[in-house]
């Protein structure tokens, strides 16, 4: 009886194992209709067919001829880095390993849309002098894309703020500790940029513990003409 019971248990285990393998292969064959998006530990299901088809950087609407399509997001607290996409090319992201705490900047040729340079500047423990030197070296006609991560302002001084304001930013003068901020401007811009979002760090309104909600922005930047 003992031997018979052992054989039955072994048979049951083998059957369960075969069933598990069968189910696994069945699941792999099913077309995924949803994708799981995660934002600071809070997950949501997004239908695949809701994703814009054919629009660069997954914009909700296609850009007109003579414009660059862009989409960007600020960092999420001190955990998830910012993202900057232009013309369907991811310029900066955690996956590309070229983002960091502070102010993240991508410089783009205003005529061709080609990426010139990316860098990030730690505004918590870093030296603002390196940011100032970088800003002063930006050439005329360059599209400048900036996104905050963690703290973008502690080391900022009046000179750095003015250099960013000269690129078309209006929010830079009020950018504070752990604020979230995204901005697209340009060297030589004659007006204030329409592409800017800013949310203050507020204990009463913060989405995360100690940090405001993530900012996202998309749009169409006109190409620079001769």
N, C-alpha and C. Protein backbone atom coordinates (compact mmCIF):
# COMPACT_ATOMS: atom_id res chain seq x y z
N UNK A 1 0.82 -1.20 0.00
CA UNK A 1 0.00 0.00 0.00
C UNK A 1 0.86 1.26 0.00
N UNK A 2 1.95 1.20 0.75
CA UNK A 2 2.85 2.36 0.80
C UNK A 2 3.42 2.64 -0.57
N UNK A 3 3.85 1.53 -1.23
CA UNK A 3 4.44 1.70 -2.56
C UNK A 3 3.40 2.23 -3.53
N UNK A 4 2.17 1.70 -3.45
CA UNK A 4 1.10 2.15 -4.34
C UNK A 4 0.81 3.64 -4.13
N UNK A 5 0.78 4.07 -2.84
CA UNK A 5 0.53 5.49 -2.53
C UNK A 5 1.63 6.38 -3.08
N UNK A 6 2.89 5.92 -3.00
CA UNK A 6 4.01 6.70 -3.53
C UNK A 6 3.93 6.85 -5.03
N UNK A 7 3.51 5.77 -5.70
CA UNK A 7 3.39 5.81 -7.16
C UNK A 7 2.29 6.79 -7.57
N UNK A 8 1.20 6.79 -6.81
CA UNK A 8 0.09 7.70 -7.11
C UNK A 8 0.51 9.17 -6.94
N UNK A 9 1.26 9.42 -5.85
CA UNK A 9 1.74 10.79 -5.62
C UNK A 9 2.68 11.24 -6.73
N UNK A 10 3.57 10.34 -7.14
CA UNK A 10 4.52 10.66 -8.21
C UNK A 10 3.78 10.93 -9.52
N UNK A 11 2.77 10.11 -9.78
CA UNK A 11 1.97 10.30 -11.00
C UNK A 11 1.26 11.64 -10.99
N UNK A 12 0.73 12.01 -9.81
CA UNK A 12 0.02 13.29 -9.68
C UNK A 12 0.97 14.46 -9.91
N UNK A 13 2.20 14.35 -9.37
CA UNK A 13 3.18 15.42 -9.53
C UNK A 13 3.59 15.58 -10.98
N UNK A 14 3.79 14.45 -11.65
CA UNK A 14 4.17 14.50 -13.07
C UNK A 14 3.05 15.11 -13.90
N UNK A 15 1.82 14.74 -13.59
CA UNK A 15 0.67 15.28 -14.32
C UNK A 15 0.56 16.78 -14.11
N UNK A 16 0.77 17.23 -12.87
CA UNK A 16 0.70 18.66 -12.56
C UNK A 16 1.79 19.43 -13.29
N UNK A 17 2.97 18.83 -13.36
CA UNK A 17 4.10 19.47 -14.05
C UNK A 17 3.82 19.62 -15.54
N UNK A 18 3.28 18.54 -16.15
CA UNK A 18 2.96 18.58 -17.58
C UNK A 18 1.88 19.62 -17.85
N UNK A 19 0.88 19.69 -16.95
CA UNK A 19 -0.20 20.67 -17.11
C UNK A 19 0.33 22.09 -17.02
N UNK A 20 1.27 22.31 -16.09
CA UNK A 20 1.85 23.65 -15.91
C UNK A 20 2.60 24.09 -17.17
N UNK A 21 3.36 23.15 -17.75
CA UNK A 21 4.10 23.46 -18.98
C UNK A 21 3.13 23.76 -20.11
N UNK A 22 2.07 22.96 -20.21
CA UNK A 22 1.07 23.16 -21.27
C UNK A 22 0.43 24.55 -21.14
N UNK A 23 0.04 24.92 -19.92
CA UNK A 23 -0.58 26.22 -19.71
C UNK A 23 0.37 27.36 -20.03
N UNK A 24 1.64 27.18 -19.69
CA UNK A 24 2.64 28.21 -19.96
C UNK A 24 2.75 28.48 -21.46
N UNK A 25 2.80 27.39 -22.23
CA UNK A 25 2.89 27.56 -23.68
C UNK A 25 1.62 28.16 -24.26
N UNK A 26 0.49 27.80 -23.67
CA UNK A 26 -0.77 28.37 -24.12
C UNK A 26 -0.80 29.88 -23.88
N UNK A 27 -0.33 30.30 -22.70
CA UNK A 27 -0.30 31.72 -22.37
C UNK A 27 0.64 32.49 -23.27
N UNK A 28 1.78 31.88 -23.60
CA UNK A 28 2.74 32.54 -24.49
C UNK A 28 2.16 32.73 -25.88
N UNK A 29 1.20 31.90 -26.25
CA UNK A 29 0.61 32.01 -27.58
C UNK A 29 -0.51 33.02 -27.67
N UNK A 30 -0.96 33.51 -26.53
CA UNK A 30 -2.06 34.49 -26.52
C UNK A 30 -1.51 35.87 -26.83
N UNK A 31 -2.14 36.60 -27.73
CA UNK A 31 -1.72 37.96 -28.07
C UNK A 31 -2.04 38.90 -26.92
N UNK A 32 -1.03 39.63 -26.48
CA UNK A 32 -1.23 40.57 -25.38
C UNK A 32 -2.04 41.76 -25.85
N UNK A 33 -3.16 42.01 -25.16
CA UNK A 33 -4.02 43.13 -25.54
C UNK A 33 -3.85 44.33 -24.62
N UNK A 34 -3.10 44.13 -23.59
CA UNK A 34 -2.88 45.22 -22.66
C UNK A 34 -1.39 45.30 -22.34
N UNK A 35 -0.95 46.45 -21.99
CA UNK A 35 0.43 46.61 -21.50
C UNK A 35 0.37 47.24 -20.13
N UNK A 36 1.28 46.85 -19.31
CA UNK A 36 1.28 47.31 -17.93
C UNK A 36 2.22 48.49 -17.79
N UNK A 37 1.67 49.62 -17.38
CA UNK A 37 2.51 50.80 -17.16
C UNK A 37 2.62 51.05 -15.68
N UNK A 38 3.80 51.35 -15.22
CA UNK A 38 4.00 51.56 -13.79
C UNK A 38 4.50 52.96 -13.51
N UNK A 39 3.96 53.57 -12.48
CA UNK A 39 4.37 54.92 -12.12
C UNK A 39 4.51 54.99 -10.61
N UNK A 40 5.75 54.91 -10.17
CA UNK A 40 6.07 54.97 -8.75
C UNK A 40 5.30 53.91 -7.95
N UNK A 41 5.26 52.70 -8.49
CA UNK A 41 4.63 51.62 -7.77
C UNK A 41 3.15 51.50 -8.01
N UNK A 42 2.52 52.48 -8.66
CA UNK A 42 1.10 52.41 -8.97
C UNK A 42 0.95 51.97 -10.40
N UNK A 43 0.31 50.79 -10.62
CA UNK A 43 0.22 50.22 -11.96
C UNK A 43 -1.13 50.50 -12.59
N UNK A 44 -1.12 50.66 -13.92
CA UNK A 44 -2.35 50.86 -14.66
C UNK A 44 -2.27 50.01 -15.92
N UNK A 45 -3.44 49.58 -16.43
CA UNK A 45 -3.51 48.83 -17.67
C UNK A 45 -3.94 49.75 -18.77
N UNK A 46 -3.18 49.74 -19.89
CA UNK A 46 -3.46 50.60 -21.03
C UNK A 46 -3.72 49.75 -22.25
N UNK A 47 -4.84 49.95 -22.92
CA UNK A 47 -5.13 49.18 -24.11
C UNK A 47 -4.13 49.53 -25.20
N UNK A 48 -3.64 48.48 -25.88
CA UNK A 48 -2.67 48.70 -26.94
C UNK A 48 -3.26 49.53 -28.07
N UNK A 49 -4.57 49.34 -28.35
CA UNK A 49 -5.14 50.06 -29.47
C UNK A 49 -5.38 51.53 -29.17
N UNK A 50 -5.12 51.95 -27.90
CA UNK A 50 -5.25 53.36 -27.58
C UNK A 50 -3.98 54.13 -27.90
N UNK A 51 -2.90 53.42 -28.20
CA UNK A 51 -1.62 54.06 -28.54
C UNK A 51 -1.71 54.68 -29.93
N UNK A 52 -1.35 55.96 -30.07
CA UNK A 52 -1.39 56.59 -31.39
C UNK A 52 -0.52 55.84 -32.39
N UNK A 53 -1.06 55.61 -33.55
CA UNK A 53 -0.34 54.84 -34.58
C UNK A 53 0.34 55.79 -35.55
N UNK A 54 1.64 55.63 -35.72
CA UNK A 54 2.36 56.38 -36.74
C UNK A 54 2.85 57.75 -36.33
N UNK A 55 2.45 58.26 -35.17
CA UNK A 55 2.90 59.58 -34.74
C UNK A 55 4.25 59.47 -34.04
N UNK A 56 5.16 60.32 -34.40
CA UNK A 56 6.50 60.28 -33.80
C UNK A 56 6.42 60.55 -32.30
N UNK A 57 7.24 59.83 -31.55
CA UNK A 57 7.27 59.92 -30.08
C UNK A 57 5.91 59.63 -29.45
N UNK A 58 5.03 58.96 -30.21
CA UNK A 58 3.70 58.59 -29.73
C UNK A 58 2.86 59.82 -29.36
N UNK A 59 3.02 60.90 -30.10
CA UNK A 59 2.21 62.09 -29.86
C UNK A 59 0.74 61.80 -30.13
N UNK A 60 -0.14 62.53 -29.47
CA UNK A 60 -1.58 62.34 -29.67
C UNK A 60 -2.01 62.84 -31.04
N UNK A 61 -1.27 63.80 -31.60
CA UNK A 61 -1.55 64.32 -32.95
C UNK A 61 -0.23 64.48 -33.69
N UNK A 62 -0.27 64.24 -34.99
CA UNK A 62 0.94 64.38 -35.80
C UNK A 62 1.30 65.86 -35.95
N UNK A 63 2.59 66.14 -36.04
CA UNK A 63 3.05 67.51 -36.22
C UNK A 63 2.97 67.92 -37.70
N UNK A 64 2.75 69.19 -37.96
CA UNK A 64 2.74 69.65 -39.36
C UNK A 64 4.15 69.62 -39.95
N UNK A 65 4.21 69.70 -41.26
CA UNK A 65 5.50 69.74 -41.95
C UNK A 65 6.30 70.95 -41.48
N UNK A 66 7.60 70.75 -41.33
CA UNK A 66 8.45 71.84 -40.88
C UNK A 66 8.54 71.97 -39.37
N UNK A 67 8.10 70.93 -38.65
CA UNK A 67 8.15 70.95 -37.19
C UNK A 67 8.78 69.64 -36.67
N UNK A 68 9.41 69.73 -35.51
CA UNK A 68 9.95 68.57 -34.82
C UNK A 68 8.94 68.11 -33.76
N UNK A 69 8.63 66.83 -33.75
CA UNK A 69 7.75 66.27 -32.73
C UNK A 69 8.57 65.94 -31.48
N UNK A 70 8.05 66.32 -30.32
CA UNK A 70 8.75 65.99 -29.09
C UNK A 70 7.77 65.55 -28.01
N UNK A 71 8.27 64.76 -27.10
CA UNK A 71 7.52 64.35 -25.92
C UNK A 71 8.52 64.16 -24.79
N UNK A 72 8.17 64.64 -23.61
CA UNK A 72 9.12 64.55 -22.52
C UNK A 72 8.39 64.44 -21.18
N UNK A 73 9.13 63.97 -20.19
CA UNK A 73 8.59 63.85 -18.84
C UNK A 73 9.69 64.17 -17.84
N UNK A 74 9.28 64.79 -16.74
CA UNK A 74 10.23 65.06 -15.67
C UNK A 74 10.52 63.77 -14.92
N UNK A 75 11.47 63.83 -14.00
CA UNK A 75 11.74 62.68 -13.16
C UNK A 75 10.61 62.48 -12.16
N UNK A 76 10.53 61.28 -11.62
CA UNK A 76 9.55 60.96 -10.59
C UNK A 76 10.27 60.82 -9.26
N UNK A 77 10.07 61.80 -8.39
CA UNK A 77 10.75 61.84 -7.10
C UNK A 77 12.25 61.68 -7.31
N UNK A 78 12.88 60.79 -6.54
CA UNK A 78 14.32 60.53 -6.74
C UNK A 78 14.53 59.12 -7.27
N UNK A 79 13.48 58.55 -7.86
CA UNK A 79 13.51 57.14 -8.24
C UNK A 79 13.61 56.93 -9.75
N UNK A 80 12.71 57.56 -10.50
CA UNK A 80 12.66 57.35 -11.95
C UNK A 80 13.14 58.60 -12.68
N UNK A 81 14.12 58.45 -13.55
CA UNK A 81 14.69 59.58 -14.26
C UNK A 81 13.77 60.13 -15.33
N UNK A 82 14.08 61.32 -15.85
CA UNK A 82 13.26 61.94 -16.90
C UNK A 82 13.46 61.26 -18.25
N UNK A 83 12.55 61.60 -19.18
CA UNK A 83 12.64 61.09 -20.55
C UNK A 83 12.48 62.25 -21.52
N UNK A 84 13.29 62.25 -22.57
CA UNK A 84 13.17 63.26 -23.61
C UNK A 84 13.23 62.56 -24.97
N UNK A 85 12.15 62.69 -25.75
CA UNK A 85 12.06 62.09 -27.08
C UNK A 85 11.88 63.19 -28.12
N UNK A 86 12.59 63.08 -29.23
CA UNK A 86 12.44 64.02 -30.33
C UNK A 86 12.47 63.26 -31.64
N UNK A 87 11.48 63.48 -32.48
CA UNK A 87 11.42 62.85 -33.80
C UNK A 87 11.59 61.32 -33.72
N UNK A 88 10.91 60.73 -32.74
CA UNK A 88 10.91 59.27 -32.55
C UNK A 88 12.24 58.73 -32.04
N UNK A 89 13.13 59.59 -31.58
CA UNK A 89 14.40 59.15 -31.02
C UNK A 89 14.46 59.53 -29.55
N UNK A 90 14.72 58.54 -28.69
CA UNK A 90 14.85 58.81 -27.28
C UNK A 90 16.23 59.44 -27.03
N UNK A 91 16.24 60.71 -26.66
CA UNK A 91 17.50 61.42 -26.47
C UNK A 91 18.08 61.18 -25.08
N UNK A 92 17.18 61.16 -24.07
CA UNK A 92 17.64 60.96 -22.70
C UNK A 92 16.63 60.10 -21.95
N UNK A 93 17.15 59.16 -21.17
CA UNK A 93 16.29 58.31 -20.34
C UNK A 93 17.16 57.48 -19.42
N UNK A 94 16.52 56.86 -18.44
CA UNK A 94 17.25 55.97 -17.54
C UNK A 94 17.78 54.76 -18.29
N UNK A 95 17.03 54.30 -19.29
CA UNK A 95 17.46 53.15 -20.08
C UNK A 95 18.74 53.47 -20.84
N UNK A 96 18.86 54.70 -21.34
CA UNK A 96 20.07 55.10 -22.05
C UNK A 96 21.20 55.44 -21.09
N UNK A 97 20.88 55.49 -19.80
CA UNK A 97 21.87 55.75 -18.76
C UNK A 97 22.58 57.09 -18.95
N UNK A 98 21.80 58.11 -19.36
CA UNK A 98 22.40 59.43 -19.53
C UNK A 98 21.60 60.53 -18.83
N UNK A 99 20.89 60.15 -17.75
CA UNK A 99 20.17 61.13 -16.94
C UNK A 99 20.69 61.08 -15.51
N UNK A 100 20.44 62.14 -14.77
CA UNK A 100 20.91 62.19 -13.39
C UNK A 100 20.19 63.25 -12.59
N UNK A 101 20.46 63.29 -11.31
CA UNK A 101 19.82 64.25 -10.41
C UNK A 101 20.15 65.67 -10.82
N UNK A 102 19.14 66.54 -10.76
CA UNK A 102 19.34 67.95 -11.07
C UNK A 102 18.62 68.37 -12.33
N UNK A 103 19.33 69.05 -13.23
CA UNK A 103 18.77 69.52 -14.49
C UNK A 103 19.38 68.71 -15.63
N UNK A 104 18.53 68.05 -16.39
CA UNK A 104 18.95 67.25 -17.55
C UNK A 104 18.70 68.06 -18.81
N UNK A 105 19.70 68.12 -19.70
CA UNK A 105 19.63 68.99 -20.87
C UNK A 105 20.02 68.24 -22.13
N UNK A 106 19.20 68.41 -23.18
CA UNK A 106 19.52 67.90 -24.51
C UNK A 106 19.59 69.07 -25.47
N UNK A 107 20.67 69.16 -26.24
CA UNK A 107 20.84 70.22 -27.23
C UNK A 107 20.66 69.63 -28.62
N UNK A 108 19.78 70.27 -29.41
CA UNK A 108 19.41 69.74 -30.72
C UNK A 108 19.63 70.81 -31.80
N UNK A 109 20.15 70.40 -32.93
CA UNK A 109 20.31 71.31 -34.07
C UNK A 109 18.94 71.78 -34.53
N UNK A 110 18.71 73.09 -34.51
CA UNK A 110 17.40 73.64 -34.83
C UNK A 110 17.00 73.50 -36.28
N UNK A 111 17.95 73.21 -37.17
CA UNK A 111 17.64 73.04 -38.59
C UNK A 111 17.40 71.58 -38.96
N UNK A 112 18.25 70.71 -38.44
CA UNK A 112 18.21 69.30 -38.85
C UNK A 112 17.52 68.39 -37.85
N UNK A 113 17.43 68.81 -36.58
CA UNK A 113 16.87 67.97 -35.55
C UNK A 113 17.85 66.96 -34.99
N UNK A 114 19.09 67.02 -35.43
CA UNK A 114 20.11 66.09 -34.94
C UNK A 114 20.55 66.46 -33.52
N UNK A 115 20.77 65.44 -32.71
CA UNK A 115 21.22 65.65 -31.35
C UNK A 115 22.67 66.11 -31.32
N UNK A 116 22.92 67.23 -30.66
CA UNK A 116 24.29 67.73 -30.53
C UNK A 116 24.98 67.21 -29.27
N UNK A 117 24.24 67.27 -28.16
CA UNK A 117 24.88 66.93 -26.89
C UNK A 117 23.82 66.73 -25.82
N UNK A 118 24.11 65.87 -24.84
CA UNK A 118 23.28 65.74 -23.64
C UNK A 118 24.18 65.82 -22.41
N UNK A 119 23.59 66.29 -21.32
CA UNK A 119 24.33 66.34 -20.06
C UNK A 119 23.34 66.57 -18.93
N UNK A 120 23.78 66.33 -17.71
CA UNK A 120 22.95 66.64 -16.54
C UNK A 120 23.84 67.26 -15.47
N UNK A 121 23.21 68.12 -14.65
CA UNK A 121 23.96 68.91 -13.68
C UNK A 121 23.29 68.79 -12.31
N UNK A 122 24.04 68.24 -11.37
CA UNK A 122 23.55 68.01 -10.02
C UNK A 122 23.41 69.35 -9.30
N UNK A 123 22.17 69.72 -8.99
CA UNK A 123 21.93 70.99 -8.33
C UNK A 123 21.72 70.84 -6.83
N UNK A 124 22.05 69.68 -6.29
CA UNK A 124 21.98 69.46 -4.85
C UNK A 124 23.38 69.51 -4.24
N UNK A 125 24.31 68.74 -4.82
CA UNK A 125 25.68 68.74 -4.29
C UNK A 125 26.70 69.17 -5.34
N UNK A 126 26.25 69.47 -6.55
CA UNK A 126 27.17 69.82 -7.63
C UNK A 126 27.60 71.27 -7.60
N UNK A 127 28.32 71.65 -8.66
CA UNK A 127 28.83 73.02 -8.79
C UNK A 127 28.11 73.71 -9.93
N UNK A 128 27.45 74.82 -9.62
CA UNK A 128 26.67 75.53 -10.64
C UNK A 128 27.55 76.10 -11.74
N UNK A 129 28.85 76.25 -11.45
CA UNK A 129 29.76 76.82 -12.45
C UNK A 129 29.80 75.96 -13.71
N UNK A 130 29.72 74.65 -13.57
CA UNK A 130 29.74 73.77 -14.74
C UNK A 130 28.48 73.95 -15.58
N UNK A 131 27.35 74.17 -14.93
CA UNK A 131 26.11 74.44 -15.65
C UNK A 131 26.19 75.76 -16.40
N UNK A 132 26.72 76.77 -15.74
CA UNK A 132 26.86 78.09 -16.37
C UNK A 132 27.77 78.01 -17.60
N UNK A 133 28.87 77.31 -17.48
CA UNK A 133 29.79 77.15 -18.61
C UNK A 133 29.10 76.44 -19.78
N UNK A 134 28.31 75.42 -19.46
CA UNK A 134 27.58 74.67 -20.48
C UNK A 134 26.58 75.58 -21.19
N UNK A 135 25.83 76.35 -20.43
CA UNK A 135 24.81 77.23 -21.00
C UNK A 135 25.42 78.32 -21.88
N UNK A 136 26.55 78.83 -21.47
CA UNK A 136 27.22 79.87 -22.25
C UNK A 136 27.77 79.33 -23.58
N UNK A 137 27.99 78.04 -23.65
CA UNK A 137 28.55 77.46 -24.86
C UNK A 137 27.51 77.04 -25.89
N UNK A 138 26.23 77.23 -25.59
CA UNK A 138 25.17 76.84 -26.53
C UNK A 138 25.18 77.79 -27.73
N UNK A 139 25.15 77.23 -28.94
CA UNK A 139 25.22 78.02 -30.16
C UNK A 139 23.85 78.52 -30.59
N UNK A 140 23.85 79.62 -31.31
CA UNK A 140 22.61 80.19 -31.85
C UNK A 140 21.88 79.16 -32.71
N UNK A 141 20.56 79.16 -32.59
CA UNK A 141 19.74 78.26 -33.39
C UNK A 141 19.57 76.88 -32.80
N UNK A 142 20.10 76.66 -31.59
CA UNK A 142 19.99 75.36 -30.94
C UNK A 142 18.68 75.24 -30.17
N UNK A 143 18.00 74.11 -30.33
CA UNK A 143 16.82 73.80 -29.51
C UNK A 143 17.33 73.21 -28.20
N UNK A 144 16.84 73.77 -27.09
CA UNK A 144 17.31 73.35 -25.77
C UNK A 144 16.14 72.71 -25.02
N UNK A 145 16.33 71.45 -24.60
CA UNK A 145 15.29 70.70 -23.90
C UNK A 145 15.78 70.37 -22.49
N UNK A 146 15.00 70.73 -21.47
CA UNK A 146 15.43 70.55 -20.09
C UNK A 146 14.35 69.83 -19.28
N UNK A 147 14.80 68.97 -18.36
CA UNK A 147 13.88 68.25 -17.49
C UNK A 147 14.51 68.07 -16.11
N UNK A 148 13.70 68.27 -15.08
CA UNK A 148 14.19 68.15 -13.71
C UNK A 148 14.15 66.71 -13.23
N UNK A 149 14.97 66.43 -12.23
CA UNK A 149 14.98 65.12 -11.57
C UNK A 149 15.44 65.31 -10.13
N UNK A 150 14.60 64.91 -9.20
CA UNK A 150 14.88 65.06 -7.76
C UNK A 150 14.90 66.54 -7.39
N UNK A 151 16.07 67.15 -7.24
CA UNK A 151 16.14 68.58 -6.90
C UNK A 151 16.88 69.34 -7.99
N UNK A 152 16.20 70.30 -8.65
CA UNK A 152 16.84 71.04 -9.74
C UNK A 152 17.32 72.44 -9.39
N UNK A 153 17.23 72.85 -8.11
CA UNK A 153 17.39 74.29 -7.87
C UNK A 153 18.32 74.73 -6.75
N UNK A 154 18.67 73.85 -5.83
CA UNK A 154 19.40 74.30 -4.64
C UNK A 154 20.66 75.07 -4.97
N UNK A 155 21.42 74.64 -5.96
CA UNK A 155 22.68 75.30 -6.32
C UNK A 155 22.52 76.40 -7.36
N UNK A 156 21.30 76.57 -7.89
CA UNK A 156 21.10 77.61 -8.90
C UNK A 156 21.38 78.99 -8.32
N UNK A 157 22.01 79.85 -9.11
CA UNK A 157 22.19 81.25 -8.71
C UNK A 157 21.57 82.16 -9.77
N UNK A 158 21.67 83.46 -9.55
CA UNK A 158 21.03 84.42 -10.45
C UNK A 158 21.58 84.33 -11.87
N UNK A 159 22.88 84.09 -12.00
CA UNK A 159 23.47 84.03 -13.33
C UNK A 159 22.92 82.85 -14.12
N UNK A 160 22.86 81.69 -13.48
CA UNK A 160 22.35 80.51 -14.15
C UNK A 160 20.88 80.67 -14.51
N UNK A 161 20.11 81.25 -13.61
CA UNK A 161 18.68 81.46 -13.88
C UNK A 161 18.49 82.41 -15.06
N UNK A 162 19.30 83.44 -15.14
CA UNK A 162 19.17 84.40 -16.24
C UNK A 162 19.52 83.75 -17.58
N UNK A 163 20.56 82.92 -17.59
CA UNK A 163 20.95 82.25 -18.83
C UNK A 163 19.84 81.33 -19.33
N UNK A 164 19.14 80.69 -18.40
CA UNK A 164 18.02 79.82 -18.80
C UNK A 164 16.82 80.66 -19.21
N UNK A 165 16.61 81.78 -18.53
CA UNK A 165 15.52 82.69 -18.91
C UNK A 165 15.75 83.23 -20.32
N UNK A 166 16.99 83.47 -20.67
CA UNK A 166 17.32 83.97 -22.02
C UNK A 166 17.00 82.94 -23.10
N UNK A 167 16.83 81.68 -22.71
CA UNK A 167 16.46 80.64 -23.66
C UNK A 167 14.94 80.57 -23.85
N UNK A 168 14.22 81.39 -23.10
CA UNK A 168 12.76 81.45 -23.24
C UNK A 168 11.97 80.99 -22.04
N UNK A 169 12.64 80.65 -20.94
CA UNK A 169 11.93 80.16 -19.76
C UNK A 169 11.38 81.31 -18.91
N UNK A 170 10.17 81.12 -18.41
CA UNK A 170 9.60 82.09 -17.47
C UNK A 170 9.54 81.50 -16.06
N UNK A 171 9.48 80.17 -15.96
CA UNK A 171 9.34 79.51 -14.66
C UNK A 171 10.66 79.42 -13.90
N UNK A 172 11.78 79.57 -14.61
CA UNK A 172 13.07 79.36 -13.97
C UNK A 172 13.31 80.29 -12.79
N UNK A 173 12.75 81.48 -12.84
CA UNK A 173 12.97 82.44 -11.74
C UNK A 173 12.32 81.98 -10.45
N UNK A 174 11.29 81.11 -10.56
CA UNK A 174 10.58 80.63 -9.37
C UNK A 174 10.85 79.16 -9.07
N UNK A 175 11.78 78.55 -9.80
CA UNK A 175 12.07 77.13 -9.60
C UNK A 175 12.69 76.92 -8.22
N UNK A 176 12.08 76.05 -7.42
CA UNK A 176 12.54 75.85 -6.05
C UNK A 176 12.93 74.42 -5.75
N UNK A 177 13.24 74.18 -4.50
CA UNK A 177 13.70 72.88 -4.01
C UNK A 177 12.70 71.78 -4.33
N UNK A 178 13.14 70.78 -5.05
CA UNK A 178 12.37 69.60 -5.42
C UNK A 178 11.14 69.92 -6.28
N UNK A 179 11.09 71.07 -6.89
CA UNK A 179 10.03 71.34 -7.86
C UNK A 179 10.23 70.43 -9.07
N UNK A 180 9.14 70.17 -9.79
CA UNK A 180 9.26 69.48 -11.06
C UNK A 180 9.09 70.50 -12.19
N UNK A 181 9.87 70.30 -13.27
CA UNK A 181 9.93 71.32 -14.32
C UNK A 181 10.39 70.68 -15.62
N UNK A 182 9.71 71.02 -16.71
CA UNK A 182 10.14 70.64 -18.06
C UNK A 182 10.02 71.85 -18.96
N UNK A 183 10.94 71.94 -19.93
CA UNK A 183 11.04 73.16 -20.72
C UNK A 183 11.72 72.89 -22.05
N UNK A 184 11.19 73.51 -23.10
CA UNK A 184 11.83 73.50 -24.41
C UNK A 184 11.96 74.93 -24.89
N UNK A 185 13.18 75.37 -25.11
CA UNK A 185 13.43 76.73 -25.59
C UNK A 185 14.48 76.72 -26.67
N UNK A 186 15.15 77.84 -26.84
CA UNK A 186 16.16 77.90 -27.89
C UNK A 186 17.10 79.07 -27.71
N UNK A 187 18.32 78.89 -28.20
CA UNK A 187 19.29 79.97 -28.15
C UNK A 187 18.96 80.97 -29.26
N UNK A 188 18.75 82.22 -28.86
CA UNK A 188 18.40 83.25 -29.81
C UNK A 188 16.90 83.46 -29.94
N UNK A 189 16.11 82.80 -29.10
CA UNK A 189 14.66 82.95 -29.15
C UNK A 189 14.29 84.40 -28.80
N UNK A 190 13.31 84.93 -29.52
CA UNK A 190 12.93 86.33 -29.34
C UNK A 190 11.74 86.50 -28.41
N UNK A 191 11.02 85.42 -28.14
CA UNK A 191 9.86 85.48 -27.26
C UNK A 191 9.97 84.41 -26.18
N UNK A 192 9.06 84.42 -25.25
CA UNK A 192 9.04 83.39 -24.22
C UNK A 192 8.50 82.09 -24.81
N UNK A 193 9.07 81.00 -24.41
CA UNK A 193 8.68 79.71 -24.97
C UNK A 193 7.28 79.30 -24.50
N UNK A 194 6.47 78.72 -25.41
CA UNK A 194 5.17 78.19 -25.01
C UNK A 194 5.27 76.77 -24.44
N UNK A 195 6.47 76.20 -24.50
CA UNK A 195 6.66 74.82 -24.07
C UNK A 195 7.34 74.76 -22.71
N UNK A 196 6.55 74.88 -21.67
CA UNK A 196 7.11 74.86 -20.32
C UNK A 196 6.02 74.48 -19.32
N UNK A 197 6.38 73.65 -18.35
CA UNK A 197 5.49 73.29 -17.26
C UNK A 197 6.28 73.28 -15.96
N UNK A 198 5.62 73.68 -14.90
CA UNK A 198 6.29 73.81 -13.60
C UNK A 198 5.28 73.48 -12.51
N UNK A 199 5.67 72.63 -11.57
CA UNK A 199 4.81 72.33 -10.43
C UNK A 199 5.63 72.43 -9.16
N UNK A 200 5.10 73.16 -8.19
CA UNK A 200 5.84 73.41 -6.95
C UNK A 200 5.82 72.21 -6.02
N UNK A 201 6.89 72.07 -5.27
CA UNK A 201 6.97 71.10 -4.20
C UNK A 201 6.14 71.63 -3.03
N UNK A 202 5.05 70.95 -2.72
CA UNK A 202 4.15 71.40 -1.66
C UNK A 202 3.71 70.21 -0.83
N UNK A 203 3.94 70.27 0.46
CA UNK A 203 3.58 69.16 1.34
C UNK A 203 2.09 68.85 1.27
N UNK A 204 1.27 69.86 1.01
CA UNK A 204 -0.18 69.66 0.97
C UNK A 204 -0.66 69.06 -0.35
N UNK A 205 0.12 69.24 -1.41
CA UNK A 205 -0.34 68.81 -2.73
C UNK A 205 0.55 67.76 -3.40
N UNK A 206 1.68 67.41 -2.81
CA UNK A 206 2.60 66.47 -3.45
C UNK A 206 1.95 65.12 -3.73
N UNK A 207 2.30 64.58 -4.89
CA UNK A 207 1.81 63.26 -5.28
C UNK A 207 2.55 62.17 -4.53
N UNK A 208 3.85 62.35 -4.37
CA UNK A 208 4.69 61.39 -3.68
C UNK A 208 5.20 62.02 -2.38
N UNK A 209 5.73 61.21 -1.52
CA UNK A 209 6.21 61.69 -0.23
C UNK A 209 7.44 62.57 -0.40
N UNK A 210 7.25 63.88 -0.37
CA UNK A 210 8.36 64.81 -0.50
C UNK A 210 8.59 65.34 -1.89
N UNK A 211 7.82 64.86 -2.88
CA UNK A 211 7.99 65.31 -4.26
C UNK A 211 6.63 65.51 -4.93
N UNK A 212 6.53 66.47 -5.86
CA UNK A 212 5.28 66.66 -6.61
C UNK A 212 5.12 65.60 -7.70
N UNK A 213 3.98 65.64 -8.37
CA UNK A 213 3.67 64.68 -9.42
C UNK A 213 4.60 64.85 -10.62
N UNK A 214 4.68 63.82 -11.43
CA UNK A 214 5.46 63.86 -12.67
C UNK A 214 4.80 64.80 -13.66
N UNK A 215 5.61 65.53 -14.41
CA UNK A 215 5.10 66.39 -15.47
C UNK A 215 5.37 65.75 -16.83
N UNK A 216 4.40 65.84 -17.73
CA UNK A 216 4.55 65.33 -19.08
C UNK A 216 4.12 66.40 -20.07
N UNK A 217 4.80 66.47 -21.20
CA UNK A 217 4.48 67.49 -22.19
C UNK A 217 4.84 66.97 -23.57
N UNK A 218 4.01 67.32 -24.55
CA UNK A 218 4.30 67.00 -25.94
C UNK A 218 3.99 68.21 -26.80
N UNK A 219 4.57 68.25 -27.99
CA UNK A 219 4.33 69.38 -28.87
C UNK A 219 5.12 69.31 -30.15
N UNK A 220 5.07 70.41 -30.90
CA UNK A 220 5.72 70.50 -32.20
C UNK A 220 6.56 71.78 -32.25
N UNK A 221 7.86 71.60 -32.35
CA UNK A 221 8.78 72.74 -32.39
C UNK A 221 9.10 73.10 -33.83
N UNK A 222 8.89 74.34 -34.24
CA UNK A 222 9.20 74.71 -35.63
C UNK A 222 10.69 74.63 -35.93
N UNK A 223 11.01 74.11 -37.11
CA UNK A 223 12.41 74.08 -37.52
C UNK A 223 12.93 75.49 -37.74
N UNK A 224 14.19 75.67 -37.47
CA UNK A 224 14.81 76.98 -37.70
C UNK A 224 15.05 77.17 -39.19
N UNK A 225 14.62 78.30 -39.68
CA UNK A 225 14.82 78.62 -41.09
C UNK A 225 16.02 79.55 -41.24
N UNK A 226 16.64 79.51 -42.39
CA UNK A 226 17.81 80.37 -42.66
C UNK A 226 17.39 81.85 -42.69
